[in-house]
């Protein structure tokens, strides 16, 4: 039986948020189901980080019945 666990991650960019998810979950991008909740927003004069990118990640977990 497979159960999916959902977690949220933030980063300065979507790519950074995905990298954080991979590290925290010990899984590769190919095994994760990633949904972009919101992309980063640039600040004044194009500076990064005015608003962080946020993703939701679903991780399939095998359970014993």
Protein backbone atom coordinates (compact mmCIF):
# COMPACT_ATOMS: atom_id res chain seq x y z
CA UNK A 1 0.00 0.00 0.00
CA UNK A 2 1.28 3.47 -0.87
CA UNK A 3 0.64 6.54 1.27
CA UNK A 4 1.64 10.04 0.16
CA UNK A 5 3.10 12.54 2.58
CA UNK A 6 2.91 16.25 1.69
CA UNK A 7 5.45 18.85 2.80
CA UNK A 8 6.07 22.50 1.91
CA UNK A 9 9.43 24.10 1.12
CA UNK A 10 10.50 27.67 0.41
CA UNK A 11 13.53 29.14 -1.31
CA UNK A 12 14.80 32.25 -3.04
CA UNK A 13 13.89 30.48 -6.32
CA UNK A 14 11.80 27.44 -7.25
CA UNK A 15 15.02 25.54 -8.01
CA UNK A 16 16.39 26.33 -4.54
CA UNK A 17 13.15 25.14 -2.93
CA UNK A 18 13.34 21.88 -4.89
CA UNK A 19 16.98 21.39 -3.86
CA UNK A 20 15.97 21.89 -0.21
CA UNK A 21 13.20 19.31 -0.62
CA UNK A 22 15.59 16.78 -2.16
CA UNK A 23 18.07 17.23 0.69
CA UNK A 24 15.49 17.19 3.49
CA UNK A 25 13.64 14.15 2.14
CA UNK A 26 16.67 12.24 0.90
CA UNK A 27 14.96 11.71 -2.45
CA UNK A 28 15.70 12.63 -6.05
CA UNK A 29 13.59 15.03 -8.08
CA UNK A 30 12.35 12.13 -10.22
CA UNK A 31 10.66 10.43 -7.24
CA UNK A 32 8.95 13.58 -5.94
CA UNK A 33 5.66 15.04 -7.12
CA UNK A 34 6.24 18.80 -7.08
CA UNK A 35 3.60 21.53 -7.27
CA UNK A 36 4.68 25.17 -7.44
CA UNK A 37 2.45 27.14 -5.06
CA UNK A 38 4.00 30.52 -5.90
CA UNK A 39 7.12 31.69 -7.68
CA UNK A 40 9.56 34.14 -6.17
CA UNK A 41 8.87 37.84 -6.51
CA UNK A 42 11.73 40.21 -7.15
CA UNK A 43 12.12 43.26 -4.96
CA UNK A 44 13.07 46.82 -5.70
CA UNK A 45 15.59 47.16 -8.54
CA UNK A 46 15.24 43.46 -9.37
CA UNK A 47 16.75 42.27 -6.10
CA UNK A 48 15.94 38.66 -5.22
CA UNK A 49 14.03 37.55 -2.21
CA UNK A 50 11.18 40.07 -1.90
CA UNK A 51 8.89 37.04 -1.71
CA UNK A 52 10.14 33.47 -1.53
CA UNK A 53 9.13 30.73 -3.91
CA UNK A 54 6.97 28.05 -2.30
CA UNK A 55 6.42 24.46 -3.41
CA UNK A 56 4.43 21.50 -2.14
CA UNK A 57 6.04 18.10 -2.47
CA UNK A 58 4.27 14.76 -2.30
CA UNK A 59 6.43 11.80 -1.41
CA UNK A 60 5.08 8.29 -1.94
CA UNK A 61 5.81 6.03 1.03
CA UNK A 62 5.42 2.29 1.02
CA UNK A 63 3.57 0.90 4.04
CA UNK A 64 2.94 -2.63 5.16
CA UNK A 65 -0.71 -3.69 5.32
